[in-house]
Amino acid sequence: MSSDVTFRKMTEADIDQVYEIEKLSFALPWTKESFFHEMKYNDHAYYVVAEVDGRIVGYCGMWLVLDECHITNVAVLPEERGKKLGERLMREAMDVAKAQGTVLMTLEARVSNHVAQNLYRKLGFENGGIRKRYYTDNQEDAIVMWVKFDE
């Protein structure tokens, strides 16, 4: 991925593009209405989008609650994967979370998703436990991971 990637806060106008990435990335994608609700009504929601030439190629959603940040979803267009974009999105999300005063970031990953787990470990995340049958599409367990930011 070249340096022509830009990051910015997601807006309602981005929902259609983000939803397309969501559908291509997850067995049980969030609905457009879910993203609309996040943008319009969830005061804790903050989504970062990655753009190349004005086209959204990835996004990372998070909820900022008090001094904690929960990553809700991260996805990159299939044709843009393998270019370190997920890592750059996560680093951007971590920077946003730190700037908002959070000290702890957490997320869940499928126990079978070793690529994601390896990325999160590279970024300083540690294993925090297992959520049994967390994913409703196949009852797969989730590994809970967290990172504490230096103060």
N, C-alpha and C. Protein backbone atom coordinates (compact mmCIF):
# COMPACT_ATOMS: atom_id res chain seq x y z
N MET A 1 0.86 -1.18 0.00
CA MET A 1 0.00 0.00 0.00
C MET A 1 0.89 1.22 0.00
N SER A 2 0.70 2.07 -0.94
CA SER A 2 1.52 3.27 -1.04
C SER A 2 1.06 4.31 -0.03
N SER A 3 1.78 5.40 0.01
CA SER A 3 1.49 6.43 1.01
C SER A 3 0.30 7.30 0.62
N ASP A 4 -0.40 6.98 -0.46
CA ASP A 4 -1.53 7.79 -0.87
C ASP A 4 -2.81 7.44 -0.14
N VAL A 5 -2.70 6.69 0.94
CA VAL A 5 -3.85 6.37 1.79
C VAL A 5 -4.06 7.53 2.75
N THR A 6 -5.30 7.97 2.86
CA THR A 6 -5.63 8.99 3.84
C THR A 6 -6.66 8.42 4.81
N PHE A 7 -6.63 8.91 6.02
CA PHE A 7 -7.54 8.46 7.06
C PHE A 7 -8.36 9.66 7.54
N ARG A 8 -9.63 9.39 7.83
CA ARG A 8 -10.49 10.44 8.35
C ARG A 8 -11.65 9.79 9.11
N LYS A 9 -12.38 10.64 9.82
CA LYS A 9 -13.55 10.17 10.55
C LYS A 9 -14.68 9.88 9.57
N MET A 10 -15.36 8.76 9.76
CA MET A 10 -16.48 8.37 8.91
C MET A 10 -17.67 9.31 9.14
N THR A 11 -18.43 9.53 8.06
CA THR A 11 -19.66 10.32 8.14
C THR A 11 -20.82 9.49 7.59
N GLU A 12 -22.02 10.01 7.73
CA GLU A 12 -23.20 9.32 7.18
C GLU A 12 -23.07 9.11 5.68
N ALA A 13 -22.42 10.03 4.99
CA ALA A 13 -22.26 9.92 3.53
C ALA A 13 -21.42 8.71 3.13
N ASP A 14 -20.68 8.15 4.07
CA ASP A 14 -19.79 7.01 3.78
C ASP A 14 -20.47 5.66 3.97
N ILE A 15 -21.68 5.64 4.47
CA ILE A 15 -22.32 4.38 4.87
C ILE A 15 -22.40 3.39 3.71
N ASP A 16 -22.78 3.82 2.53
CA ASP A 16 -22.93 2.87 1.41
C ASP A 16 -21.60 2.16 1.10
N GLN A 17 -20.51 2.92 1.04
CA GLN A 17 -19.22 2.31 0.74
C GLN A 17 -18.76 1.38 1.87
N VAL A 18 -18.94 1.81 3.10
CA VAL A 18 -18.55 0.98 4.25
C VAL A 18 -19.38 -0.30 4.29
N TYR A 19 -20.66 -0.17 3.99
CA TYR A 19 -21.53 -1.35 3.99
C TYR A 19 -21.09 -2.36 2.93
N GLU A 20 -20.65 -1.89 1.78
CA GLU A 20 -20.17 -2.81 0.74
C GLU A 20 -18.95 -3.58 1.22
N ILE A 21 -18.04 -2.91 1.91
CA ILE A 21 -16.86 -3.58 2.47
C ILE A 21 -17.30 -4.59 3.53
N GLU A 22 -18.24 -4.20 4.35
CA GLU A 22 -18.78 -5.07 5.40
C GLU A 22 -19.34 -6.35 4.80
N LYS A 23 -20.15 -6.22 3.73
CA LYS A 23 -20.77 -7.40 3.10
C LYS A 23 -19.72 -8.35 2.52
N LEU A 24 -18.64 -7.78 2.00
CA LEU A 24 -17.58 -8.60 1.41
C LEU A 24 -16.67 -9.25 2.45
N SER A 25 -16.80 -8.81 3.70
CA SER A 25 -15.84 -9.22 4.73
C SER A 25 -16.38 -10.17 5.78
N PHE A 26 -17.69 -10.18 6.01
CA PHE A 26 -18.23 -10.93 7.13
C PHE A 26 -19.40 -11.82 6.73
N ALA A 27 -19.46 -13.00 7.35
CA ALA A 27 -20.56 -13.94 7.09
C ALA A 27 -21.90 -13.36 7.52
N LEU A 28 -21.91 -12.64 8.62
CA LEU A 28 -23.12 -11.97 9.10
C LEU A 28 -22.84 -10.47 9.19
N PRO A 29 -22.92 -9.78 8.07
CA PRO A 29 -22.57 -8.35 8.07
C PRO A 29 -23.58 -7.51 8.85
N TRP A 30 -23.07 -6.40 9.38
CA TRP A 30 -23.96 -5.41 9.96
C TRP A 30 -24.84 -4.87 8.83
N THR A 31 -25.98 -4.36 9.18
CA THR A 31 -26.89 -3.76 8.20
C THR A 31 -26.52 -2.29 7.97
N LYS A 32 -27.04 -1.74 6.89
CA LYS A 32 -26.87 -0.30 6.66
C LYS A 32 -27.46 0.48 7.83
N GLU A 33 -28.60 -0.01 8.32
CA GLU A 33 -29.26 0.66 9.43
C GLU A 33 -28.38 0.69 10.67
N SER A 34 -27.62 -0.38 10.88
CA SER A 34 -26.70 -0.41 12.03
C SER A 34 -25.66 0.70 11.91
N PHE A 35 -25.09 0.84 10.72
CA PHE A 35 -24.09 1.89 10.52
C PHE A 35 -24.73 3.27 10.65
N PHE A 36 -25.95 3.43 10.13
CA PHE A 36 -26.65 4.70 10.26
C PHE A 36 -26.85 5.04 11.74
N HIS A 37 -27.27 4.05 12.51
CA HIS A 37 -27.48 4.25 13.95
C HIS A 37 -26.17 4.65 14.62
N GLU A 38 -25.09 4.00 14.25
CA GLU A 38 -23.78 4.33 14.83
C GLU A 38 -23.43 5.80 14.55
N MET A 39 -23.65 6.23 13.32
CA MET A 39 -23.29 7.60 12.93
C MET A 39 -24.21 8.64 13.56
N LYS A 40 -25.48 8.33 13.62
CA LYS A 40 -26.48 9.33 13.99
C LYS A 40 -26.77 9.38 15.50
N TYR A 41 -26.79 8.22 16.14
CA TYR A 41 -27.31 8.17 17.51
C TYR A 41 -26.34 7.69 18.58
N ASN A 42 -25.27 7.01 18.21
CA ASN A 42 -24.35 6.48 19.22
C ASN A 42 -23.25 7.50 19.48
N ASP A 43 -23.37 8.20 20.59
CA ASP A 43 -22.39 9.23 20.94
C ASP A 43 -21.01 8.64 21.24
N HIS A 44 -20.95 7.35 21.50
CA HIS A 44 -19.67 6.70 21.81
C HIS A 44 -18.95 6.19 20.56
N ALA A 45 -19.65 6.13 19.44
CA ALA A 45 -19.09 5.54 18.23
C ALA A 45 -18.15 6.51 17.52
N TYR A 46 -17.05 5.96 17.04
CA TYR A 46 -16.09 6.70 16.22
C TYR A 46 -15.56 5.71 15.20
N TYR A 47 -15.71 6.04 13.93
CA TYR A 47 -15.25 5.17 12.86
C TYR A 47 -14.21 5.90 12.02
N VAL A 48 -13.13 5.22 11.73
CA VAL A 48 -12.08 5.74 10.88
C VAL A 48 -12.20 5.05 9.52
N VAL A 49 -12.15 5.82 8.44
CA VAL A 49 -12.12 5.22 7.11
C VAL A 49 -10.76 5.49 6.48
N ALA A 50 -10.34 4.54 5.65
CA ALA A 50 -9.12 4.68 4.86
C ALA A 50 -9.55 4.90 3.42
N GLU A 51 -8.99 5.91 2.79
CA GLU A 51 -9.34 6.24 1.41
C GLU A 51 -8.11 6.21 0.51
N VAL A 52 -8.33 5.76 -0.70
CA VAL A 52 -7.33 5.85 -1.76
C VAL A 52 -8.04 6.46 -2.96
N ASP A 53 -7.54 7.57 -3.42
CA ASP A 53 -8.14 8.28 -4.56
C ASP A 53 -9.63 8.51 -4.38
N GLY A 54 -10.04 8.91 -3.17
CA GLY A 54 -11.43 9.23 -2.89
C GLY A 54 -12.34 8.03 -2.68
N ARG A 55 -11.80 6.84 -2.74
CA ARG A 55 -12.58 5.60 -2.56
C ARG A 55 -12.25 4.99 -1.20
N ILE A 56 -13.27 4.65 -0.43
CA ILE A 56 -13.03 4.01 0.86
C ILE A 56 -12.61 2.57 0.62
N VAL A 57 -11.47 2.19 1.18
CA VAL A 57 -10.92 0.84 1.00
C VAL A 57 -10.90 0.05 2.30
N GLY A 58 -11.21 0.71 3.41
CA GLY A 58 -11.25 0.02 4.69
C GLY A 58 -11.82 0.93 5.77
N TYR A 59 -12.16 0.31 6.88
CA TYR A 59 -12.68 1.08 8.00
C TYR A 59 -12.42 0.35 9.31
N CYS A 60 -12.45 1.11 10.38
CA CYS A 60 -12.31 0.56 11.73
C CYS A 60 -13.29 1.31 12.62
N GLY A 61 -14.16 0.56 13.27
CA GLY A 61 -15.14 1.15 14.18
C GLY A 61 -14.75 0.91 15.62
N MET A 62 -15.09 1.87 16.46
CA MET A 62 -14.80 1.72 17.88
C MET A 62 -15.82 2.50 18.70
N TRP A 63 -15.95 2.05 19.92
CA TRP A 63 -16.76 2.75 20.90
C TRP A 63 -15.82 3.28 21.96
N LEU A 64 -15.88 4.59 22.18
CA LEU A 64 -15.07 5.24 23.20
C LEU A 64 -15.96 5.53 24.40
N VAL A 65 -15.74 4.80 25.47
CA VAL A 65 -16.56 4.94 26.67
C VAL A 65 -15.64 5.18 27.86
N LEU A 66 -15.76 6.36 28.43
CA LEU A 66 -14.91 6.79 29.53
C LEU A 66 -13.45 6.64 29.11
N ASP A 67 -12.67 5.82 29.80
CA ASP A 67 -11.25 5.70 29.44
C ASP A 67 -10.95 4.39 28.70
N GLU A 68 -11.99 3.76 28.15
CA GLU A 68 -11.80 2.51 27.42
C GLU A 68 -12.30 2.64 25.98
N CYS A 69 -11.69 1.85 25.12
CA CYS A 69 -12.08 1.81 23.71
C CYS A 69 -12.32 0.35 23.33
N HIS A 70 -13.46 0.09 22.72
CA HIS A 70 -13.79 -1.25 22.24
C HIS A 70 -13.87 -1.20 20.72
N ILE A 71 -13.01 -1.96 20.06
CA ILE A 71 -13.06 -2.05 18.61
C ILE A 71 -14.27 -2.90 18.24
N THR A 72 -15.14 -2.36 17.41
CA THR A 72 -16.36 -3.08 17.03
C THR A 72 -16.17 -3.89 15.75
N ASN A 73 -15.46 -3.30 14.78
CA ASN A 73 -15.23 -4.00 13.52
C ASN A 73 -14.10 -3.34 12.76
N VAL A 74 -13.38 -4.16 12.03
CA VAL A 74 -12.29 -3.70 11.17
C VAL A 74 -12.41 -4.50 9.88
N ALA A 75 -12.39 -3.83 8.75
CA ALA A 75 -12.47 -4.55 7.48
C ALA A 75 -11.77 -3.76 6.38
N VAL A 76 -11.23 -4.51 5.44
CA VAL A 76 -10.53 -3.96 4.28
C VAL A 76 -11.08 -4.66 3.05
N LEU A 77 -11.25 -3.92 1.97
CA LEU A 77 -11.68 -4.54 0.72
C LEU A 77 -10.79 -5.74 0.39
N PRO A 78 -11.40 -6.83 -0.06
CA PRO A 78 -10.59 -8.03 -0.35
C PRO A 78 -9.40 -7.76 -1.27
N GLU A 79 -9.58 -6.93 -2.30
CA GLU A 79 -8.48 -6.69 -3.23
C GLU A 79 -7.38 -5.79 -2.66
N GLU A 80 -7.63 -5.20 -1.48
CA GLU A 80 -6.64 -4.34 -0.84
C GLU A 80 -5.96 -5.02 0.34
N ARG A 81 -6.31 -6.25 0.63
CA ARG A 81 -5.72 -6.97 1.75
C ARG A 81 -4.29 -7.37 1.43
N GLY A 82 -3.50 -7.57 2.48
CA GLY A 82 -2.12 -7.96 2.30
C GLY A 82 -1.19 -6.79 2.00
N LYS A 83 -1.68 -5.58 2.17
CA LYS A 83 -0.89 -4.38 1.88
C LYS A 83 -0.64 -3.53 3.13
N LYS A 84 -0.81 -4.14 4.28
CA LYS A 84 -0.60 -3.47 5.58
C LYS A 84 -1.65 -2.42 5.90
N LEU A 85 -2.76 -2.41 5.16
CA LEU A 85 -3.79 -1.41 5.40
C LEU A 85 -4.50 -1.66 6.74
N GLY A 86 -4.75 -2.92 7.08
CA GLY A 86 -5.36 -3.22 8.37
C GLY A 86 -4.50 -2.73 9.52
N GLU A 87 -3.21 -2.91 9.40
CA GLU A 87 -2.31 -2.42 10.44
C GLU A 87 -2.35 -0.90 10.53
N ARG A 88 -2.34 -0.24 9.39
CA ARG A 88 -2.39 1.22 9.39
C ARG A 88 -3.72 1.72 9.96
N LEU A 89 -4.82 1.04 9.64
CA LEU A 89 -6.12 1.41 10.21
C LEU A 89 -6.11 1.26 11.73
N MET A 90 -5.57 0.14 12.20
CA MET A 90 -5.52 -0.09 13.65
C MET A 90 -4.64 0.95 14.34
N ARG A 91 -3.52 1.28 13.74
CA ARG A 91 -2.64 2.30 14.34
C ARG A 91 -3.35 3.65 14.38
N GLU A 92 -4.07 3.98 13.33
CA GLU A 92 -4.84 5.23 13.31
C GLU A 92 -5.91 5.21 14.40
N ALA A 93 -6.62 4.09 14.53
CA ALA A 93 -7.65 3.97 15.57
C ALA A 93 -7.02 4.10 16.96
N MET A 94 -5.86 3.49 17.14
CA MET A 94 -5.18 3.60 18.43
C MET A 94 -4.79 5.05 18.73
N ASP A 95 -4.32 5.77 17.71
CA ASP A 95 -3.98 7.18 17.89
C ASP A 95 -5.20 8.00 18.26
N VAL A 96 -6.33 7.75 17.59
CA VAL A 96 -7.57 8.46 17.89
C VAL A 96 -7.99 8.16 19.34
N ALA A 97 -7.96 6.90 19.70
CA ALA A 97 -8.37 6.50 21.06
C ALA A 97 -7.50 7.17 22.12
N LYS A 98 -6.21 7.16 21.89
CA LYS A 98 -5.29 7.81 22.85
C LYS A 98 -5.59 9.30 22.94
N ALA A 99 -5.82 9.94 21.80
CA ALA A 99 -6.11 11.37 21.78
C ALA A 99 -7.40 11.70 22.53
N GLN A 100 -8.32 10.73 22.58
CA GLN A 100 -9.59 10.92 23.30
C GLN A 100 -9.45 10.59 24.79
N GLY A 101 -8.25 10.21 25.22
CA GLY A 101 -8.01 9.97 26.64
C GLY A 101 -8.22 8.54 27.10
N THR A 102 -8.37 7.61 26.17
CA THR A 102 -8.53 6.22 26.61
C THR A 102 -7.18 5.64 27.02
N VAL A 103 -7.24 4.69 27.94
CA VAL A 103 -6.02 4.04 28.42
C VAL A 103 -6.02 2.54 28.11
N LEU A 104 -7.18 2.03 27.67
CA LEU A 104 -7.30 0.60 27.41
C LEU A 104 -8.11 0.40 26.14
N MET A 105 -7.65 -0.48 25.27
CA MET A 105 -8.38 -0.82 24.05
C MET A 105 -8.58 -2.33 24.06
N THR A 106 -9.78 -2.75 23.65
CA THR A 106 -10.09 -4.17 23.63
C THR A 106 -10.83 -4.52 22.35
N LEU A 107 -10.79 -5.81 22.02
CA LEU A 107 -11.48 -6.32 20.84
C LEU A 107 -11.63 -7.83 20.97
N GLU A 108 -12.46 -8.39 20.09
CA GLU A 108 -12.60 -9.83 19.99
C GLU A 108 -12.16 -10.26 18.59
N ALA A 109 -11.56 -11.44 18.52
CA ALA A 109 -11.19 -12.02 17.22
C ALA A 109 -11.58 -13.49 17.25
N ARG A 110 -11.97 -13.99 16.11
CA ARG A 110 -12.28 -15.42 16.02
C ARG A 110 -11.04 -16.22 16.42
N VAL A 111 -11.24 -17.30 17.16
CA VAL A 111 -10.09 -18.11 17.56
C VAL A 111 -9.37 -18.69 16.35
N SER A 112 -10.07 -18.83 15.23
CA SER A 112 -9.44 -19.36 14.02
C SER A 112 -8.74 -18.29 13.18
N ASN A 113 -8.91 -17.02 13.53
CA ASN A 113 -8.36 -15.93 12.72
C ASN A 113 -6.95 -15.57 13.22
N HIS A 114 -6.01 -16.40 12.85
CA HIS A 114 -4.64 -16.21 13.31
C HIS A 114 -3.97 -14.99 12.68
N VAL A 115 -4.37 -14.64 11.46
CA VAL A 115 -3.81 -13.45 10.81
C VAL A 115 -4.14 -12.21 11.64
N ALA A 116 -5.41 -12.07 12.01
CA ALA A 116 -5.81 -10.91 12.83
C ALA A 116 -5.12 -10.95 14.19
N GLN A 117 -5.11 -12.09 14.83
CA GLN A 117 -4.48 -12.20 16.15
C GLN A 117 -3.00 -11.81 16.08
N ASN A 118 -2.31 -12.25 15.03
CA ASN A 118 -0.89 -11.89 14.89
C ASN A 118 -0.71 -10.39 14.72
N LEU A 119 -1.60 -9.77 13.95
CA LEU A 119 -1.53 -8.31 13.79
C LEU A 119 -1.74 -7.63 15.14
N TYR A 120 -2.77 -8.05 15.86
CA TYR A 120 -3.06 -7.41 17.14
C TYR A 120 -1.90 -7.59 18.12
N ARG A 121 -1.28 -8.76 18.13
CA ARG A 121 -0.12 -8.97 19.01
C ARG A 121 1.03 -8.06 18.60
N LYS A 122 1.23 -7.90 17.30
CA LYS A 122 2.27 -6.99 16.80
C LYS A 122 2.04 -5.57 17.32
N LEU A 123 0.77 -5.20 17.49
CA LEU A 123 0.42 -3.86 17.97
C LEU A 123 0.39 -3.76 19.50
N GLY A 124 0.76 -4.85 20.17
CA GLY A 124 0.85 -4.82 21.63
C GLY A 124 -0.31 -5.45 22.38
N PHE A 125 -1.30 -5.98 21.67
CA PHE A 125 -2.44 -6.61 22.33
C PHE A 125 -2.01 -7.93 22.97
N GLU A 126 -2.65 -8.25 24.08
CA GLU A 126 -2.42 -9.50 24.79
C GLU A 126 -3.74 -10.25 24.90
N ASN A 127 -3.64 -11.56 25.06
CA ASN A 127 -4.83 -12.38 25.25
C ASN A 127 -5.46 -12.06 26.60
N GLY A 128 -6.79 -11.93 26.61
CA GLY A 128 -7.47 -11.62 27.85
C GLY A 128 -8.54 -12.62 28.23
N GLY A 129 -8.76 -13.63 27.42
CA GLY A 129 -9.77 -14.63 27.74
C GLY A 129 -10.51 -15.08 26.49
N ILE A 130 -11.49 -15.94 26.72
CA ILE A 130 -12.28 -16.52 25.64
C ILE A 130 -13.76 -16.22 25.89
N ARG A 131 -14.46 -15.82 24.86
CA ARG A 131 -15.92 -15.71 24.92
C ARG A 131 -16.47 -16.92 24.15
N LYS A 132 -17.05 -17.83 24.88
CA LYS A 132 -17.56 -19.06 24.28
C LYS A 132 -18.72 -18.77 23.33
N ARG A 133 -18.71 -19.43 22.18
CA ARG A 133 -19.78 -19.35 21.18
C ARG A 133 -20.19 -17.90 20.87
N TYR A 134 -19.21 -17.03 20.77
CA TYR A 134 -19.45 -15.59 20.58
C TYR A 134 -20.05 -15.28 19.22
N TYR A 135 -19.58 -15.96 18.18
CA TYR A 135 -20.03 -15.67 16.82
C TYR A 135 -21.26 -16.50 16.49
N THR A 136 -22.33 -15.80 16.13
CA THR A 136 -23.62 -16.48 15.96
C THR A 136 -23.73 -17.25 14.65
N ASP A 137 -22.85 -16.97 13.68
CA ASP A 137 -22.97 -17.67 12.40
C ASP A 137 -22.54 -19.13 12.52
N ASN A 138 -21.54 -19.41 13.36
CA ASN A 138 -21.06 -20.80 13.48
C ASN A 138 -20.72 -21.19 14.92
N GLN A 139 -21.09 -20.35 15.87
CA GLN A 139 -20.87 -20.60 17.30
C GLN A 139 -19.38 -20.65 17.68
N GLU A 140 -18.54 -20.08 16.85
CA GLU A 140 -17.10 -20.08 17.14
C GLU A 140 -16.81 -19.19 18.35
N ASP A 141 -15.81 -19.61 19.11
CA ASP A 141 -15.36 -18.82 20.24
C ASP A 141 -14.60 -17.59 19.76
N ALA A 142 -14.58 -16.57 20.60
CA ALA A 142 -13.78 -15.38 20.34
C ALA A 142 -12.68 -15.29 21.38
N ILE A 143 -11.54 -14.87 20.95
CA ILE A 143 -10.48 -14.55 21.89
C ILE A 143 -10.58 -13.05 22.17
N VAL A 144 -10.61 -12.69 23.44
CA VAL A 144 -10.64 -11.29 23.85
C VAL A 144 -9.19 -10.84 23.97
N MET A 145 -8.90 -9.72 23.35
CA MET A 145 -7.54 -9.18 23.41
C MET A 145 -7.61 -7.73 23.88
N TRP A 146 -6.55 -7.28 24.52
CA TRP A 146 -6.53 -5.91 25.02
C TRP A 146 -5.11 -5.37 25.00
N VAL A 147 -5.04 -4.07 24.97
CA VAL A 147 -3.76 -3.37 25.10
C VAL A 147 -3.98 -2.17 26.01
N LYS A 148 -3.01 -1.96 26.87
CA LYS A 148 -3.04 -0.78 27.74
C LYS A 148 -2.05 0.22 27.18
N PHE A 149 -2.50 1.46 27.03
CA PHE A 149 -1.65 2.50 26.48
C PHE A 149 -0.78 3.08 27.59
N ASP A 150 0.44 3.40 27.23
CA ASP A 150 1.34 4.06 28.18
C ASP A 150 0.78 5.45 28.47
N GLU A 151 0.85 5.81 29.72
CA GLU A 151 0.32 7.13 30.10
C GLU A 151 1.40 8.18 30.10
